[in-house]
Protein backbone atom coordinates (compact mmCIF):
# COMPACT_ATOMS: atom_id res chain seq x y z
CA MET A 1 28.62 3.14 2.10
CA SER A 2 26.83 6.00 0.36
CA GLY A 3 23.36 5.77 -1.25
CA LEU A 4 23.49 3.61 -4.38
CA ARG A 5 23.25 5.60 -7.55
CA PHE A 6 23.95 3.66 -10.64
CA ILE A 7 21.82 1.03 -12.27
CA ASP A 8 24.66 -1.66 -12.51
CA GLU A 9 25.06 -1.39 -8.69
CA PHE A 10 21.62 -2.24 -7.62
CA ARG A 11 22.01 -6.10 -8.08
CA ASP A 12 25.78 -6.51 -8.13
CA PRO A 13 26.77 -9.79 -6.58
CA GLN A 14 29.91 -8.63 -5.10
CA LEU A 15 28.24 -5.61 -3.44
CA ALA A 16 25.52 -8.02 -2.09
CA LYS A 17 28.20 -10.27 -0.62
CA GLY A 18 29.82 -7.24 1.09
CA LEU A 19 26.60 -6.04 2.47
CA ALA A 20 25.63 -9.55 3.74
CA ALA A 21 29.06 -9.88 5.49
CA ALA A 22 28.63 -6.37 7.04
CA ILE A 23 25.26 -7.32 8.30
CA ALA A 24 26.40 -10.68 9.70
CA ALA A 25 29.36 -8.88 11.47
CA GLU A 26 27.24 -6.07 12.91
CA ALA A 27 24.11 -8.18 14.00
CA GLU A 28 24.60 -9.14 17.60
CA PRO A 29 23.92 -12.84 18.21
CA ALA A 30 21.95 -12.31 21.36
CA ARG A 31 19.60 -9.76 19.87
CA ASP A 32 16.66 -10.05 17.51
CA TYR A 33 16.19 -7.54 14.53
CA ARG A 34 12.71 -7.65 13.33
CA MET A 35 12.45 -5.46 10.37
CA MET A 36 9.11 -4.40 8.98
CA GLU A 37 8.96 -3.17 5.39
CA PHE A 38 6.05 -0.87 4.62
CA CYS A 39 6.20 -1.26 0.89
CA GLY A 40 4.96 -4.02 -1.26
CA GLY A 41 7.87 -3.34 -3.62
CA HIS A 42 10.14 -4.11 -0.82
CA THR A 43 8.36 -7.36 0.02
CA HIS A 44 8.78 -8.51 -3.65
CA ALA A 45 12.40 -7.49 -3.75
CA ILE A 46 13.14 -9.42 -0.57
CA MET A 47 11.43 -12.56 -1.85
CA ARG A 48 12.35 -12.35 -5.53
CA HIS A 49 16.02 -11.96 -4.81
CA GLY A 50 16.28 -14.07 -1.73
CA VAL A 51 17.36 -11.23 0.55
CA GLN A 52 16.05 -13.05 3.59
CA ARG A 53 18.43 -15.98 2.85
CA LEU A 54 21.38 -13.66 2.94
CA MET A 55 20.43 -12.55 6.46
CA PRO A 56 21.72 -14.03 9.88
CA PRO A 57 18.98 -16.09 11.59
CA ASN A 58 18.26 -13.31 14.01
CA VAL A 59 17.49 -10.69 11.20
CA ARG A 60 13.96 -11.20 9.96
CA PHE A 61 11.73 -9.30 7.63
CA THR A 62 8.05 -8.81 8.56
CA HIS A 63 5.61 -7.68 5.82
CA GLY A 64 3.47 -4.78 6.79
CA PRO A 65 0.36 -3.16 5.30
CA GLY A 66 2.27 -1.79 2.17
CA CYS A 67 -0.08 -3.17 -0.52
CA PRO A 68 -2.85 -0.56 -1.39
CA VAL A 69 -5.10 -3.14 -2.95
CA CYS A 70 -4.60 -5.45 0.00
CA VAL A 71 -5.58 -3.04 2.65
CA LEU A 72 -8.88 -2.06 0.94
CA PRO A 73 -11.64 -3.73 3.09
CA GLY A 74 -14.24 -5.98 1.36
CA ALA A 75 -17.01 -3.46 2.19
CA ARG A 76 -15.53 -1.00 -0.16
CA ILE A 77 -15.43 -3.42 -2.96
CA ASP A 78 -19.13 -4.24 -2.27
CA ALA A 79 -19.94 -0.49 -2.36
CA ALA A 80 -18.29 -0.14 -5.71
CA ILE A 81 -20.24 -3.18 -7.13
CA HIS A 82 -23.41 -1.61 -5.84
CA LEU A 83 -22.81 1.57 -7.83
CA GLY A 84 -22.49 -0.44 -11.04
CA GLU A 85 -25.48 -2.73 -10.44
CA ALA A 86 -27.91 -0.63 -8.64
CA HIS A 87 -27.05 2.84 -10.39
CA GLY A 88 -25.86 1.59 -13.77
CA ALA A 89 -22.57 3.45 -13.34
CA ILE A 90 -19.57 2.62 -15.34
CA LEU A 91 -16.91 1.50 -12.95
CA CYS A 92 -13.25 2.25 -13.71
CA GLY A 93 -10.27 1.04 -11.66
CA TYR A 94 -6.68 -0.28 -11.78
CA GLY A 95 -6.24 -3.89 -12.84
CA ASP A 96 -5.48 -5.71 -9.49
CA LEU A 97 -8.34 -4.01 -7.90
CA LEU A 98 -10.85 -5.69 -10.18
CA ARG A 99 -9.89 -9.13 -8.94
CA VAL A 100 -10.16 -8.54 -5.21
CA PRO A 101 -13.14 -10.36 -3.64
CA GLY A 102 -15.37 -8.18 -1.58
CA ALA A 103 -17.03 -9.14 1.63
CA SER A 104 -19.79 -10.72 -0.57
CA ARG A 105 -17.04 -12.93 -2.14
CA ARG A 106 -17.63 -11.27 -5.44
CA SER A 107 -15.05 -9.27 -7.27
CA LEU A 108 -15.61 -6.41 -9.81
CA LEU A 109 -14.62 -8.80 -12.46
CA GLN A 110 -17.28 -11.18 -11.50
CA ALA A 111 -19.82 -8.37 -11.34
CA ARG A 112 -18.74 -7.57 -14.88
CA ALA A 113 -19.29 -11.13 -15.91
CA ALA A 114 -22.85 -10.70 -14.56
CA GLY A 115 -23.52 -7.58 -16.66
CA ALA A 116 -21.94 -4.70 -14.87
CA ASP A 117 -19.92 -2.18 -16.87
CA VAL A 118 -16.53 -2.47 -15.32
CA ARG A 119 -13.36 -1.19 -17.06
CA MET A 120 -9.68 -1.50 -16.30
CA LEU A 121 -7.46 1.49 -16.33
CA TYR A 122 -3.90 2.25 -16.47
CA SER A 123 -4.20 5.97 -15.33
CA PRO A 124 -7.14 7.99 -13.92
CA GLU A 125 -7.11 10.16 -16.99
CA GLU A 126 -8.75 7.29 -18.87
CA ALA A 127 -11.72 7.63 -16.62
CA LEU A 128 -12.27 11.22 -17.85
CA ALA A 129 -12.20 10.10 -21.48
CA ILE A 130 -14.72 7.46 -20.72
CA ALA A 131 -16.92 10.19 -19.11
CA ARG A 132 -16.55 12.44 -22.12
CA ASP A 133 -17.49 9.51 -24.50
CA ASN A 134 -20.61 8.53 -22.45
CA PRO A 135 -22.19 11.78 -21.49
CA ASP A 136 -25.46 9.97 -20.58
CA GLN A 137 -24.10 7.54 -18.24
CA GLU A 138 -22.52 8.05 -14.70
CA VAL A 139 -18.82 7.11 -14.55
CA VAL A 140 -17.11 6.36 -11.29
CA PHE A 141 -13.43 6.12 -10.85
CA ILE A 142 -12.59 3.79 -7.92
CA ALA A 143 -9.49 5.64 -6.43
CA ILE A 144 -7.18 3.55 -4.37
CA GLY A 145 -3.65 3.78 -3.02
CA PHE A 146 -1.36 5.56 -0.61
CA GLU A 147 0.03 9.02 -1.03
CA THR A 148 1.74 7.89 -4.22
CA THR A 149 -1.32 7.58 -6.36
CA THR A 150 -3.36 10.42 -4.53
CA PRO A 151 -2.01 13.45 -6.58
CA PRO A 152 -3.12 11.87 -9.86
CA THR A 153 -6.61 11.52 -8.51
CA ALA A 154 -6.58 15.12 -7.46
CA ALA A 155 -5.51 16.22 -10.84
CA VAL A 156 -8.43 14.44 -12.61
CA VAL A 157 -10.91 15.88 -10.08
CA GLN A 158 -9.72 19.42 -10.86
CA GLN A 159 -9.89 18.62 -14.69
CA ALA A 160 -13.38 17.34 -14.32
CA ARG A 161 -14.50 20.58 -12.61
CA ARG A 162 -12.72 22.69 -15.33
CA GLU A 163 -14.60 20.68 -18.01
CA ARG A 164 -17.80 20.65 -16.03
CA LEU A 165 -18.08 16.78 -16.42
CA GLY A 166 -21.36 16.35 -14.52
CA ASN A 167 -21.36 12.55 -15.09
CA PHE A 168 -17.94 11.90 -13.45
CA SER A 169 -17.28 11.00 -9.80
CA VAL A 170 -14.72 9.34 -7.68
CA LEU A 171 -15.17 6.65 -4.94
CA CYS A 172 -12.24 7.76 -2.80
CA ASN A 173 -10.21 5.08 -0.85
CA HIS A 174 -6.87 6.90 -0.54
CA VAL A 175 -5.11 6.06 2.69
CA LEU A 176 -2.19 7.46 4.61
CA THR A 177 1.00 5.63 5.50
CA PRO A 178 1.95 7.30 8.81
CA ALA A 179 -1.53 6.28 10.31
CA ALA A 180 -0.87 2.60 9.49
CA MET A 181 2.54 2.84 11.11
CA ARG A 182 1.06 4.12 14.27
CA ALA A 183 -1.55 1.43 14.38
CA ILE A 184 1.08 -1.31 13.92
CA LEU A 185 3.28 0.24 16.64
CA ASN A 186 0.39 0.68 19.06
CA ASP A 187 -0.48 -3.14 18.66
CA GLY A 188 1.45 -5.08 21.22
CA ASP A 189 0.99 -8.20 19.42
CA THR A 190 3.25 -7.14 16.46
CA ALA A 191 6.94 -7.15 17.27
CA VAL A 192 8.81 -4.46 15.31
CA ASP A 193 12.41 -3.33 16.13
CA ALA A 194 12.99 -1.22 13.12
CA ILE A 195 10.95 -0.05 9.99
CA LEU A 196 12.04 0.13 6.44
CA GLY A 197 10.17 3.18 5.13
CA PRO A 198 8.41 2.98 1.76
CA SER A 199 9.94 4.26 -1.40
CA HIS A 200 7.40 5.98 -3.64
CA VAL A 201 5.28 7.19 -0.68
CA SER A 202 8.47 8.87 0.71
CA ALA A 203 9.13 10.72 -2.59
CA ILE A 204 5.80 12.40 -2.18
CA ILE A 205 5.59 13.10 1.52
CA GLY A 206 9.35 13.34 2.40
CA LEU A 207 10.86 12.37 5.69
CA ALA A 208 9.31 14.94 8.03
CA PRO A 209 6.06 12.97 8.67
CA TYR A 210 8.02 10.01 10.11
CA ARG A 211 9.87 12.04 12.65
CA PRO A 212 7.03 12.32 15.27
CA ILE A 213 6.47 8.51 14.93
CA VAL A 214 10.03 7.71 15.52
CA GLU A 215 10.23 9.99 18.52
CA GLN A 216 7.08 8.59 20.05
CA TYR A 217 7.66 4.88 19.59
CA ARG A 218 11.46 4.86 19.66
CA ARG A 219 11.92 2.64 16.65
CA PRO A 220 14.46 3.39 13.91
CA LEU A 221 13.05 4.17 10.48
CA VAL A 222 15.15 3.94 7.25
CA VAL A 223 13.54 4.96 3.98
CA ALA A 224 14.70 2.40 1.42
CA GLY A 225 14.87 2.13 -2.37
CA PHE A 226 13.18 -0.77 -4.30
CA GLU A 227 16.21 -2.71 -5.33
CA PRO A 228 17.63 -5.65 -3.38
CA LEU A 229 20.79 -3.79 -2.46
CA ASP A 230 18.78 -0.94 -1.26
CA VAL A 231 16.85 -3.10 1.12
CA MET A 232 20.12 -4.62 2.35
CA GLN A 233 21.83 -1.34 2.86
CA ALA A 234 18.83 0.10 4.66
CA THR A 235 18.73 -2.99 6.82
CA LEU A 236 22.35 -2.40 7.68
CA MET A 237 21.67 1.18 8.73
CA ALA A 238 18.74 0.03 10.79
CA ILE A 239 20.89 -2.62 12.67
CA ARG A 240 23.47 0.05 13.42
CA GLN A 241 20.78 2.32 14.96
CA VAL A 242 19.32 -0.60 17.00
CA ASN A 243 22.81 -1.47 18.31
CA ALA A 244 23.58 2.10 19.28
CA GLY A 245 20.20 2.50 21.05
CA ARG A 246 19.31 5.14 18.52
CA ALA A 247 15.79 5.89 17.04
CA GLU A 248 16.20 8.26 14.07
CA VAL A 249 14.74 8.71 10.65
CA GLU A 250 17.47 7.98 8.05
CA ASN A 251 17.30 8.11 4.30
CA GLN A 252 18.86 5.30 2.20
CA TYR A 253 17.05 6.28 -1.01
CA THR A 254 18.77 9.56 -1.35
CA ARG A 255 18.66 9.48 -5.08
CA VAL A 256 14.83 10.09 -5.05
CA VAL A 257 13.73 11.08 -1.52
CA ASP A 258 14.50 14.22 0.49
CA GLU A 259 13.41 15.88 3.60
CA ALA A 260 10.46 17.99 2.26
CA GLY A 261 9.20 15.53 -0.46
CA ASN A 262 7.20 16.81 -3.45
CA SER A 263 5.71 20.09 -2.48
CA ARG A 264 3.68 20.52 -5.78
CA ALA A 265 2.09 17.09 -5.24
CA GLN A 266 1.39 17.76 -1.64
CA ALA A 267 -0.23 21.21 -2.45
CA LEU A 268 -2.40 19.49 -4.99
CA MET A 269 -3.55 16.88 -2.46
CA GLU A 270 -4.17 19.47 0.10
CA LYS A 271 -6.36 21.62 -2.23
CA VAL A 272 -8.63 18.64 -3.31
CA PHE A 273 -8.80 16.34 -0.32
CA THR A 274 -9.27 16.46 3.59
CA LEU A 275 -8.92 14.08 6.31
CA ARG A 276 -11.69 11.56 7.02
CA GLU A 277 -12.62 11.18 10.68
CA ARG A 278 -11.96 7.49 10.33
CA PHE A 279 -11.61 4.78 7.65
CA GLU A 280 -11.59 0.96 7.67
CA TRP A 281 -8.43 -0.92 6.80
CA ARG A 282 -8.28 -4.64 6.06
CA GLY A 283 -6.12 -6.16 8.82
CA LEU A 284 -6.00 -2.87 10.94
CA GLY A 285 -9.66 -2.13 11.48
CA TRP A 286 -11.14 1.42 11.68
CA LEU A 287 -8.36 3.91 12.08
CA PRO A 288 -8.75 7.57 12.96
CA GLN A 289 -7.57 10.27 10.47
CA SER A 290 -6.08 7.64 8.15
CA ALA A 291 -7.75 8.25 4.83
CA LEU A 292 -8.85 11.02 2.52
CA CYS A 293 -12.10 12.31 1.15
CA LEU A 294 -12.88 15.07 -1.24
CA ARG A 295 -13.22 18.52 0.19
CA ASP A 296 -16.70 20.25 0.23
CA GLU A 297 -15.64 22.49 -2.89
CA TYR A 298 -15.51 19.19 -4.86
CA ALA A 299 -18.47 17.52 -3.41
CA GLU A 300 -20.25 17.16 -6.81
CA PHE A 301 -17.49 14.67 -7.73
CA ASP A 302 -17.77 12.57 -4.56
CA ALA A 303 -19.52 9.29 -5.41
CA GLU A 304 -20.44 8.74 -1.71
CA ARG A 305 -22.27 12.07 -1.71
CA ARG A 306 -23.83 11.69 -5.26
CA PHE A 307 -25.28 8.21 -4.69
CA GLU A 308 -27.15 6.73 -1.84
CA LEU A 309 -24.72 4.05 -0.66
CA PRO A 310 -26.08 1.35 1.80
CA SER A 311 -23.93 0.15 4.65
CA PHE A 312 -21.62 -2.83 4.03
CA GLU A 313 -19.75 -4.87 6.54
CA SER A 314 -16.22 -6.34 5.98
CA HIS A 315 -15.45 -9.96 6.81
CA GLU A 316 -12.83 -12.37 5.48
CA PRO A 317 -13.32 -15.94 4.18
CA ASN A 318 -13.06 -18.66 6.89
CA SER A 319 -9.35 -19.49 7.71
CA CYS A 320 -8.11 -16.42 5.57
CA GLU A 321 -5.15 -14.90 7.34
CA CYS A 322 -4.89 -11.71 5.22
CA PRO A 323 -5.64 -9.46 8.27
CA ALA A 324 -2.93 -11.07 10.32
CA ILE A 325 -0.44 -11.00 7.35
CA LEU A 326 -1.18 -7.32 6.72
CA SER A 327 -0.60 -6.46 10.45
CA GLY A 328 2.66 -8.41 10.57
CA LYS A 329 1.43 -11.00 13.00
CA LYS A 330 1.74 -13.95 10.49
CA GLN A 331 3.59 -14.89 7.32
CA PRO A 332 1.78 -16.03 4.07
CA GLN A 333 2.78 -19.62 4.65
CA ASP A 334 1.05 -19.61 8.03
CA CYS A 335 -2.25 -19.55 6.26
CA ARG A 336 -4.02 -22.96 5.87
CA LEU A 337 -5.34 -21.75 2.47
CA PHE A 338 -2.14 -20.65 1.08
CA GLY A 339 -1.36 -22.61 -2.15
CA LYS A 340 -4.37 -24.83 -1.70
CA GLY A 341 -7.67 -23.04 -1.63
CA CYS A 342 -6.05 -19.73 -2.31
CA THR A 343 -3.83 -19.24 -5.40
CA PRO A 344 -3.17 -16.36 -7.84
CA ASP A 345 -5.57 -18.14 -10.29
CA SER A 346 -8.24 -18.34 -7.67
CA PRO A 347 -7.53 -15.98 -4.93
CA LEU A 348 -9.68 -15.97 -1.74
CA GLY A 349 -7.86 -13.28 -0.08
CA ALA A 350 -6.55 -9.83 -1.14
CA CYS A 351 -2.89 -10.56 -0.38
CA MET A 352 -2.85 -13.23 -3.12
CA VAL A 353 -4.37 -10.84 -5.68
CA SER A 354 -2.18 -7.84 -5.97
CA SER A 355 1.20 -7.76 -7.60
CA GLU A 356 2.35 -6.13 -4.38
CA GLY A 357 0.64 -8.65 -2.12
CA ALA A 358 2.84 -10.67 0.42
CA CYS A 359 0.99 -13.90 -0.50
CA ALA A 360 1.37 -13.46 -4.19
CA ALA A 361 5.12 -12.69 -3.74
CA ALA A 362 5.47 -15.89 -1.49
CA TRP A 363 3.73 -17.91 -4.08
CA SER A 364 5.91 -16.62 -6.86
CA TYR A 365 9.22 -16.69 -5.19
CA GLY A 366 9.15 -18.20 -1.69
CA ARG A 367 7.69 -21.62 -1.99
């Protein structure tokens, strides 16, 4: 079956039945197939459309660290709050980010309720407009996300330099998908037989960065689209690799992703950002060369260099299983707080906050 191309095919019941039958026929009963999806969009597609229920019992999906808001550690939230409260900066960030509790148990929204100037954005360009409109105040854009959202941040940093916006800076939290994959596969406590590669990230970086990982760890990786039939088709492709003893990078999402990715976006990222020596991830700990910071040429727009930031430590609420869920060791329902102390209306953990979080998906579709 070739890559799905037309809108009316993405959720076609007859195609779904055919894919489910093919998976059931090719999944060997004596073998386990543990598929880890590295994309919050995949997690929601699986739960919303009941994809797991269409699988044989020995084909299971495990949710990986594919939610950018979820993997941001509490210490970085506390650092952002500090910039607003201690330095009077206007803090700008995407909606889900504002609701994530920091290690202090306070969110950016709670800081706003206490008097900090915190503003929700739909795009980083809005932060530039706020800086232009408030020339006497510091404006900090809290940049988060994987490779997908990194180019827009690079673009606004370049624009700020062109305009000489001296009151604009970025608290950079951009992280890199391949580093997270290596961390998961290095962890002997997480069982992964094949990986469903992320959709939008792969549109930016292409297939090439995954090949060294597949060669080293001998795990098949199939880049998949967002729709339920995309996920099912990619699962079938991965099962065929496992059965054949192959470990290759394959591309189910051919309508968007190619080998090289988006060269213009990559060049923009390379010009503005450089690798950090290490960065903390919620659930994965401190990972080497797993995140980005601004290059020296753009140091004036780096909030970590502009302001004196104290050291903050990350820790989770008692009984919160977000780290284990993000690293694939547990499912949302394994958490004692799930649906009790922790709900979307009153989240204790990051995985219940974000629209891409595994706990939010399980609450909405999997109960």
